[in-house]
N, C-alpha and C. Protein backbone atom coordinates (compact mmCIF):
# COMPACT_ATOMS: atom_id res chain seq x y z
N MET A 1 -51.60 -16.88 16.33
CA MET A 1 -51.32 -17.84 15.33
C MET A 1 -52.32 -19.43 15.95
N ARG A 2 -53.09 -20.05 15.12
CA ARG A 2 -53.52 -21.42 15.35
C ARG A 2 -52.95 -22.41 14.44
N ASN A 3 -52.97 -23.21 14.87
CA ASN A 3 -52.22 -24.57 14.72
C ASN A 3 -52.84 -25.83 14.49
N TYR A 4 -53.17 -26.59 13.18
CA TYR A 4 -54.49 -27.56 13.51
C TYR A 4 -54.02 -28.75 12.41
N GLU A 5 -54.26 -30.11 12.84
CA GLU A 5 -54.04 -31.36 11.77
C GLU A 5 -54.82 -31.08 10.67
N SER A 6 -54.83 -31.15 9.67
CA SER A 6 -55.50 -31.05 8.38
C SER A 6 -55.43 -32.11 7.40
N ASN A 7 -56.42 -32.49 6.39
CA ASN A 7 -56.54 -33.16 5.37
C ASN A 7 -56.14 -32.43 4.46
N ILE A 8 -55.20 -32.75 3.79
CA ILE A 8 -54.84 -31.80 2.20
C ILE A 8 -55.42 -32.72 0.97
N SER A 9 -56.37 -32.43 0.30
CA SER A 9 -56.23 -33.26 -1.22
C SER A 9 -56.18 -32.70 -2.39
N ILE A 10 -55.77 -33.22 -3.57
CA ILE A 10 -55.93 -32.21 -4.55
C ILE A 10 -56.12 -33.46 -5.60
N GLU A 11 -57.23 -33.26 -6.60
CA GLU A 11 -57.56 -34.20 -7.02
C GLU A 11 -57.51 -33.95 -9.04
N SER A 12 -57.58 -34.55 -9.84
CA SER A 12 -57.55 -34.07 -10.74
C SER A 12 -58.42 -35.69 -11.61
N GLN A 13 -58.62 -35.66 -13.26
CA GLN A 13 -59.09 -36.68 -13.85
C GLN A 13 -58.21 -37.91 -13.77
N ASP A 14 -56.60 -37.57 -13.63
CA ASP A 14 -55.61 -38.51 -13.96
C ASP A 14 -55.26 -39.40 -12.64
N SER A 15 -55.37 -38.58 -11.61
CA SER A 15 -54.99 -38.72 -10.18
C SER A 15 -55.63 -38.56 -8.66
N LYS A 16 -55.23 -38.82 -7.92
CA LYS A 16 -56.20 -38.31 -6.74
C LYS A 16 -54.70 -38.51 -5.33
N ASN A 17 -54.49 -37.43 -4.78
CA ASN A 17 -53.44 -37.55 -3.47
C ASN A 17 -54.11 -37.05 -2.94
N SER A 18 -53.81 -37.52 -1.43
CA SER A 18 -54.40 -36.83 -0.16
C SER A 18 -53.47 -37.27 1.06
N TYR A 19 -53.33 -36.43 1.98
CA TYR A 19 -52.25 -36.49 3.03
C TYR A 19 -52.33 -35.84 4.42
N ASN A 20 -51.73 -35.71 5.34
CA ASN A 20 -52.15 -35.01 6.85
C ASN A 20 -50.96 -34.52 7.24
N VAL A 21 -51.05 -33.18 7.29
CA VAL A 21 -50.26 -32.16 7.88
C VAL A 21 -51.02 -31.30 8.92
N THR A 22 -49.68 -30.23 9.56
CA THR A 22 -49.87 -29.42 10.48
C THR A 22 -49.76 -28.15 9.63
N VAL A 23 -50.89 -27.43 9.90
CA VAL A 23 -51.49 -26.19 8.92
C VAL A 23 -51.26 -25.11 10.61
N HIS A 24 -50.55 -24.03 10.14
CA HIS A 24 -50.40 -22.65 10.66
C HIS A 24 -51.11 -21.83 10.29
N ASP A 25 -52.27 -21.27 10.79
CA ASP A 25 -52.69 -20.32 10.00
C ASP A 25 -52.56 -19.23 11.06
N ASP A 26 -52.29 -18.09 10.20
CA ASP A 26 -51.95 -16.72 10.90
C ASP A 26 -52.95 -15.84 10.89
N LEU A 27 -53.92 -16.00 11.56
CA LEU A 27 -55.27 -14.93 11.35
C LEU A 27 -55.30 -13.29 11.42
N GLU A 28 -54.11 -13.09 12.03
CA GLU A 28 -53.78 -11.52 11.53
C GLU A 28 -53.64 -10.91 9.95
N LYS A 29 -52.90 -12.31 9.52
CA LYS A 29 -52.25 -12.21 8.22
C LYS A 29 -52.94 -12.67 6.82
N GLY A 30 -54.23 -12.98 7.77
CA GLY A 30 -55.03 -14.13 6.86
C GLY A 30 -54.23 -14.94 5.73
N ILE A 31 -53.29 -16.10 6.05
CA ILE A 31 -52.33 -16.73 5.39
C ILE A 31 -51.76 -18.22 5.95
N LEU A 32 -52.43 -19.08 5.99
CA LEU A 32 -52.02 -20.13 6.36
C LEU A 32 -50.82 -21.24 5.59
N PHE A 33 -50.19 -21.87 6.31
CA PHE A 33 -49.13 -22.37 5.49
C PHE A 33 -49.03 -23.74 6.22
N TYR A 34 -48.14 -24.76 5.28
CA TYR A 34 -47.69 -26.33 5.99
C TYR A 34 -46.62 -26.28 4.98
N LYS A 35 -45.70 -27.18 5.13
CA LYS A 35 -44.82 -28.03 5.01
C LYS A 35 -45.16 -29.17 4.57
N GLU A 36 -44.87 -29.70 3.21
CA GLU A 36 -45.46 -31.11 2.60
C GLU A 36 -43.59 -31.64 2.72
N ASN A 37 -44.35 -33.54 2.62
CA ASN A 37 -43.13 -34.18 3.10
C ASN A 37 -41.82 -34.00 2.36
N ASN A 38 -42.01 -33.64 1.36
CA ASN A 38 -40.81 -33.33 -0.02
C ASN A 38 -40.09 -31.92 0.12
N ASN A 39 -40.05 -31.12 1.50
CA ASN A 39 -39.73 -30.17 1.56
C ASN A 39 -40.32 -28.99 0.81
N THR A 40 -41.72 -29.13 0.41
CA THR A 40 -42.56 -28.15 -0.40
C THR A 40 -43.19 -27.51 0.82
N ILE A 41 -43.32 -26.09 0.83
CA ILE A 41 -43.95 -24.70 1.60
C ILE A 41 -45.05 -24.50 0.57
N THR A 42 -46.54 -24.98 1.22
CA THR A 42 -47.32 -24.36 0.69
C THR A 42 -47.72 -23.35 1.25
N THR A 43 -48.26 -21.86 0.86
CA THR A 43 -49.05 -21.08 1.51
C THR A 43 -49.94 -20.61 0.28
N TYR A 44 -51.20 -20.35 1.50
CA TYR A 44 -52.70 -19.95 0.92
C TYR A 44 -52.77 -18.54 1.67
N ASP A 45 -52.91 -17.44 0.89
CA ASP A 45 -53.44 -16.29 1.44
C ASP A 45 -54.89 -16.00 0.93
N TYR A 46 -55.71 -16.34 2.37
CA TYR A 46 -57.56 -16.70 1.97
C TYR A 46 -58.00 -15.26 2.04
N LYS A 47 -57.21 -14.30 2.11
CA LYS A 47 -58.23 -13.07 1.86
C LYS A 47 -57.96 -12.36 0.84
N ASN A 48 -56.68 -12.91 -0.39
CA ASN A 48 -56.66 -12.66 -1.25
C ASN A 48 -56.76 -13.48 -2.36
N ASP A 49 -57.15 -15.00 -1.96
CA ASP A 49 -57.18 -16.35 -2.58
C ASP A 49 -56.04 -16.46 -3.87
N ILE A 50 -54.23 -16.31 -2.93
CA ILE A 50 -53.24 -16.36 -3.90
C ILE A 50 -52.66 -17.71 -2.94
N PHE A 51 -52.19 -18.38 -3.88
CA PHE A 51 -52.21 -20.28 -3.68
C PHE A 51 -50.55 -20.00 -4.20
N VAL A 52 -49.29 -20.40 -3.35
CA VAL A 52 -47.93 -20.05 -3.46
C VAL A 52 -47.47 -21.85 -3.04
N ARG A 53 -46.82 -22.19 -3.81
CA ARG A 53 -46.04 -23.55 -3.83
C ARG A 53 -44.59 -23.40 -3.91
N GLU A 54 -43.56 -23.75 -2.91
CA GLU A 54 -41.97 -23.70 -3.35
C GLU A 54 -41.66 -24.79 -3.07
N ASN A 55 -40.79 -25.18 -3.73
CA ASN A 55 -39.63 -25.91 -3.25
C ASN A 55 -38.19 -25.56 -3.46
N ASP A 56 -37.10 -26.40 -3.69
CA ASP A 56 -35.83 -25.61 -4.28
C ASP A 56 -36.12 -25.87 -6.14
N GLU A 57 -36.67 -26.83 -6.61
CA GLU A 57 -37.04 -26.82 -8.07
C GLU A 57 -38.17 -25.83 -8.69
N MET A 58 -39.41 -25.35 -8.15
CA MET A 58 -39.76 -24.46 -8.30
C MET A 58 -40.40 -23.89 -7.66
N ARG A 59 -41.29 -22.49 -8.18
CA ARG A 59 -42.29 -21.79 -7.48
C ARG A 59 -43.54 -21.45 -8.14
N ILE A 60 -44.74 -22.25 -8.04
CA ILE A 60 -46.23 -21.42 -9.02
C ILE A 60 -46.99 -20.45 -7.81
N GLU A 61 -47.38 -19.90 -8.52
CA GLU A 61 -48.69 -18.52 -7.88
C GLU A 61 -49.53 -18.84 -8.60
N TYR A 62 -50.50 -19.23 -7.84
CA TYR A 62 -51.41 -19.24 -8.48
C TYR A 62 -53.05 -18.24 -8.09
N HIS A 63 -53.27 -17.38 -8.60
CA HIS A 63 -54.26 -16.54 -8.42
C HIS A 63 -55.49 -16.67 -8.72
N PHE A 64 -56.50 -17.32 -7.70
CA PHE A 64 -58.13 -17.67 -7.68
C PHE A 64 -58.87 -16.77 -7.78
N CYS A 65 -59.76 -16.26 -8.77
CA CYS A 65 -61.15 -15.41 -8.75
C CYS A 65 -61.88 -16.41 -9.68
N ILE A 66 -62.70 -16.39 -8.40
CA ILE A 66 -64.33 -16.97 -9.19
C ILE A 66 -64.80 -16.71 -10.72
N ASN A 67 -64.67 -17.42 -11.31
CA ASN A 67 -65.40 -17.18 -12.85
C ASN A 67 -64.53 -16.59 -13.98
N GLN A 68 -63.45 -16.46 -13.18
CA GLN A 68 -62.48 -15.43 -14.41
C GLN A 68 -61.28 -16.39 -14.45
N LEU A 69 -60.48 -16.09 -15.86
CA LEU A 69 -59.18 -16.79 -16.37
C LEU A 69 -58.33 -15.52 -15.78
N THR A 70 -57.32 -16.59 -14.97
CA THR A 70 -56.38 -15.38 -14.33
C THR A 70 -54.93 -16.07 -15.30
N GLU A 71 -53.80 -15.05 -15.41
CA GLU A 71 -52.35 -15.74 -15.58
C GLU A 71 -51.73 -15.65 -14.51
N ASN A 72 -50.83 -16.91 -14.31
CA ASN A 72 -50.24 -17.27 -13.36
C ASN A 72 -48.85 -17.85 -13.69
N LYS A 73 -48.01 -17.50 -12.56
CA LYS A 73 -46.87 -17.92 -13.15
C LYS A 73 -45.96 -19.38 -12.08
N VAL A 74 -45.28 -19.63 -13.20
CA VAL A 74 -44.29 -20.78 -12.61
C VAL A 74 -43.14 -20.65 -12.86
N LEU A 75 -42.50 -20.53 -11.82
CA LEU A 75 -40.75 -20.91 -12.29
C LEU A 75 -40.14 -21.83 -11.88
N VAL A 76 -39.30 -22.26 -12.81
CA VAL A 76 -38.29 -23.53 -12.96
C VAL A 76 -37.40 -23.37 -12.57
N LYS A 77 -37.13 -23.29 -10.85
CA LYS A 77 -35.71 -22.81 -10.69
C LYS A 77 -34.36 -23.66 -11.48
N THR A 78 -34.41 -24.85 -11.28
CA THR A 78 -33.01 -25.63 -11.92
C THR A 78 -32.79 -25.03 -13.29
N ILE A 79 -34.13 -24.19 -14.54
CA ILE A 79 -33.58 -23.98 -15.19
C ILE A 79 -33.50 -22.17 -15.97
N ASN A 80 -33.93 -22.23 -14.34
CA ASN A 80 -34.19 -20.34 -14.12
C ASN A 80 -35.22 -20.06 -15.38
N ASN A 81 -36.24 -20.17 -15.89
CA ASN A 81 -37.61 -20.50 -16.61
C ASN A 81 -38.32 -20.05 -15.81
N GLU A 82 -39.63 -19.26 -16.50
CA GLU A 82 -40.66 -18.75 -16.10
C GLU A 82 -41.70 -18.97 -17.28
N VAL A 83 -42.95 -19.86 -16.59
CA VAL A 83 -43.81 -19.93 -17.85
C VAL A 83 -45.13 -19.56 -17.09
N THR A 84 -46.13 -19.15 -17.71
CA THR A 84 -47.33 -18.42 -17.99
C THR A 84 -48.55 -19.94 -17.95
N ILE A 85 -49.47 -19.66 -17.00
CA ILE A 85 -50.20 -20.85 -16.98
C ILE A 85 -51.96 -19.79 -16.76
N ASN A 86 -52.68 -20.16 -17.91
CA ASN A 86 -53.60 -19.65 -17.53
C ASN A 86 -54.88 -20.57 -16.64
N ILE A 87 -55.82 -19.75 -15.66
CA ILE A 87 -56.47 -20.49 -14.57
C ILE A 87 -57.80 -20.41 -14.97
N LEU A 88 -58.62 -21.42 -15.01
CA LEU A 88 -59.89 -20.94 -15.07
C LEU A 88 -60.41 -20.75 -13.67
N THR A 89 -61.22 -20.66 -12.21
CA THR A 89 -61.18 -20.55 -10.79
C THR A 89 -63.22 -20.98 -11.44
N LYS A 90 -63.41 -22.24 -10.90
CA LYS A 90 -64.87 -22.98 -10.99
C LYS A 90 -65.78 -22.51 -9.45
N LYS A 91 -64.64 -22.91 -8.48
CA LYS A 91 -65.75 -22.71 -7.35
C LYS A 91 -64.54 -22.19 -6.22
N LEU A 92 -64.62 -21.63 -5.63
CA LEU A 92 -64.18 -20.80 -4.41
C LEU A 92 -65.04 -21.10 -2.76
N GLU A 93 -64.80 -22.34 -2.13
CA GLU A 93 -65.76 -22.33 -0.67
C GLU A 93 -64.89 -21.90 0.26
N LYS A 94 -65.18 -21.12 1.11
CA LYS A 94 -63.96 -21.35 2.38
C LYS A 94 -65.06 -20.77 3.76
N ASN A 95 -64.58 -21.85 4.52
CA ASN A 95 -65.13 -21.17 6.05
C ASN A 95 -63.48 -21.30 7.28
N ASP A 96 -64.26 -21.34 8.34
CA ASP A 96 -63.39 -21.70 9.44
C ASP A 96 -62.65 -23.07 9.66
N ASN A 97 -62.90 -24.24 9.12
CA ASN A 97 -62.87 -25.41 9.06
C ASN A 97 -62.39 -25.96 7.51
N TYR A 98 -62.96 -25.54 6.38
CA TYR A 98 -62.56 -26.37 5.01
C TYR A 98 -62.27 -24.96 4.05
N ILE A 99 -61.52 -25.29 2.75
CA ILE A 99 -61.26 -24.53 1.70
C ILE A 99 -61.20 -25.42 0.38
N GLU A 100 -62.04 -24.95 -0.28
CA GLU A 100 -62.52 -26.34 -1.48
C GLU A 100 -62.26 -25.16 -2.75
N ILE A 101 -61.40 -25.60 -3.56
CA ILE A 101 -60.95 -24.78 -4.78
C ILE A 101 -61.25 -25.57 -6.07
N ILE A 102 -61.83 -25.18 -6.70
CA ILE A 102 -62.23 -26.10 -7.91
C ILE A 102 -61.45 -25.28 -9.15
N TYR A 103 -60.95 -25.49 -10.07
CA TYR A 103 -59.75 -24.93 -11.11
C TYR A 103 -59.55 -25.58 -12.25
N GLU A 104 -59.52 -24.85 -13.51
CA GLU A 104 -59.36 -25.68 -14.64
C GLU A 104 -57.97 -25.02 -15.34
N ILE A 105 -56.80 -25.89 -15.82
CA ILE A 105 -56.13 -25.69 -16.61
C ILE A 105 -55.73 -26.54 -17.50
N GLU A 106 -55.79 -25.45 -18.75
CA GLU A 106 -55.64 -26.42 -20.24
C GLU A 106 -56.66 -27.29 -20.27
N ASN A 107 -58.23 -27.05 -19.90
CA ASN A 107 -59.31 -27.95 -19.70
C ASN A 107 -59.55 -29.40 -19.15
N ASN A 108 -58.34 -29.18 -17.84
CA ASN A 108 -58.00 -30.43 -16.72
C ASN A 108 -58.71 -29.50 -15.24
N GLU A 109 -59.31 -30.71 -15.48
CA GLU A 109 -60.16 -30.01 -13.69
C GLU A 109 -59.20 -30.42 -13.27
N PHE A 110 -59.23 -29.20 -11.70
CA PHE A 110 -58.83 -29.77 -10.30
C PHE A 110 -59.52 -29.64 -9.34
N ILE A 111 -59.37 -30.37 -8.50
CA ILE A 111 -59.91 -30.01 -6.68
C ILE A 111 -59.10 -30.02 -5.86
N TYR A 112 -58.84 -28.81 -5.23
CA TYR A 112 -58.24 -29.03 -4.18
C TYR A 112 -58.91 -28.29 -2.78
N LYS A 113 -58.50 -29.28 -1.36
CA LYS A 113 -59.11 -29.22 -0.44
C LYS A 113 -58.41 -29.17 0.86
N ILE A 114 -58.46 -28.35 1.91
CA ILE A 114 -58.02 -28.21 2.84
C ILE A 114 -58.64 -28.61 4.17
N LYS A 115 -59.15 -29.78 4.80
CA LYS A 115 -60.48 -29.60 5.90
C LYS A 115 -59.50 -30.08 7.09
N LYS A 116 -59.75 -29.24 8.08
CA LYS A 116 -59.54 -29.01 9.21
C LYS A 116 -59.92 -30.37 10.29
N GLU A 117 -59.05 -30.82 10.49
CA GLU A 117 -59.54 -32.11 11.41
C GLU A 117 -59.65 -32.06 13.03
N MET A 118 -58.51 -31.38 13.44
CA MET A 118 -58.44 -30.68 15.33
C MET A 118 -57.30 -30.28 15.18
N GLU A 119 -57.17 -29.32 16.31
CA GLU A 119 -56.51 -28.02 16.80
C GLU A 119 -55.46 -29.28 17.55
N VAL A 120 -54.47 -28.41 17.31
CA VAL A 120 -53.04 -29.20 18.17
C VAL A 120 -52.33 -27.72 19.16
């Protein structure tokens, strides 16, 4: 397993958030994961392009398929309710040091990036 400091950013029309975290990359499984400040665990399966973000209140699971509309589940744990969100993946770029995903939910575009800064 590799560990490295990374800059994570998510940008939309309304906001831009960026923060640095230690990313753990399980090369054998093709999954990277990190813990955000609010105890949210984020995993990204870069072999299958599945993004999961989970905490005590909710669990989101997005499936990214370039130029395709996918149905994705969001579970609101506090009220035990699940909703479906349709996502159109517009860009999916991956290499050893960088991941960029541009996707659209209900005509709102999001840009998610993981940029490797240095190994630890």
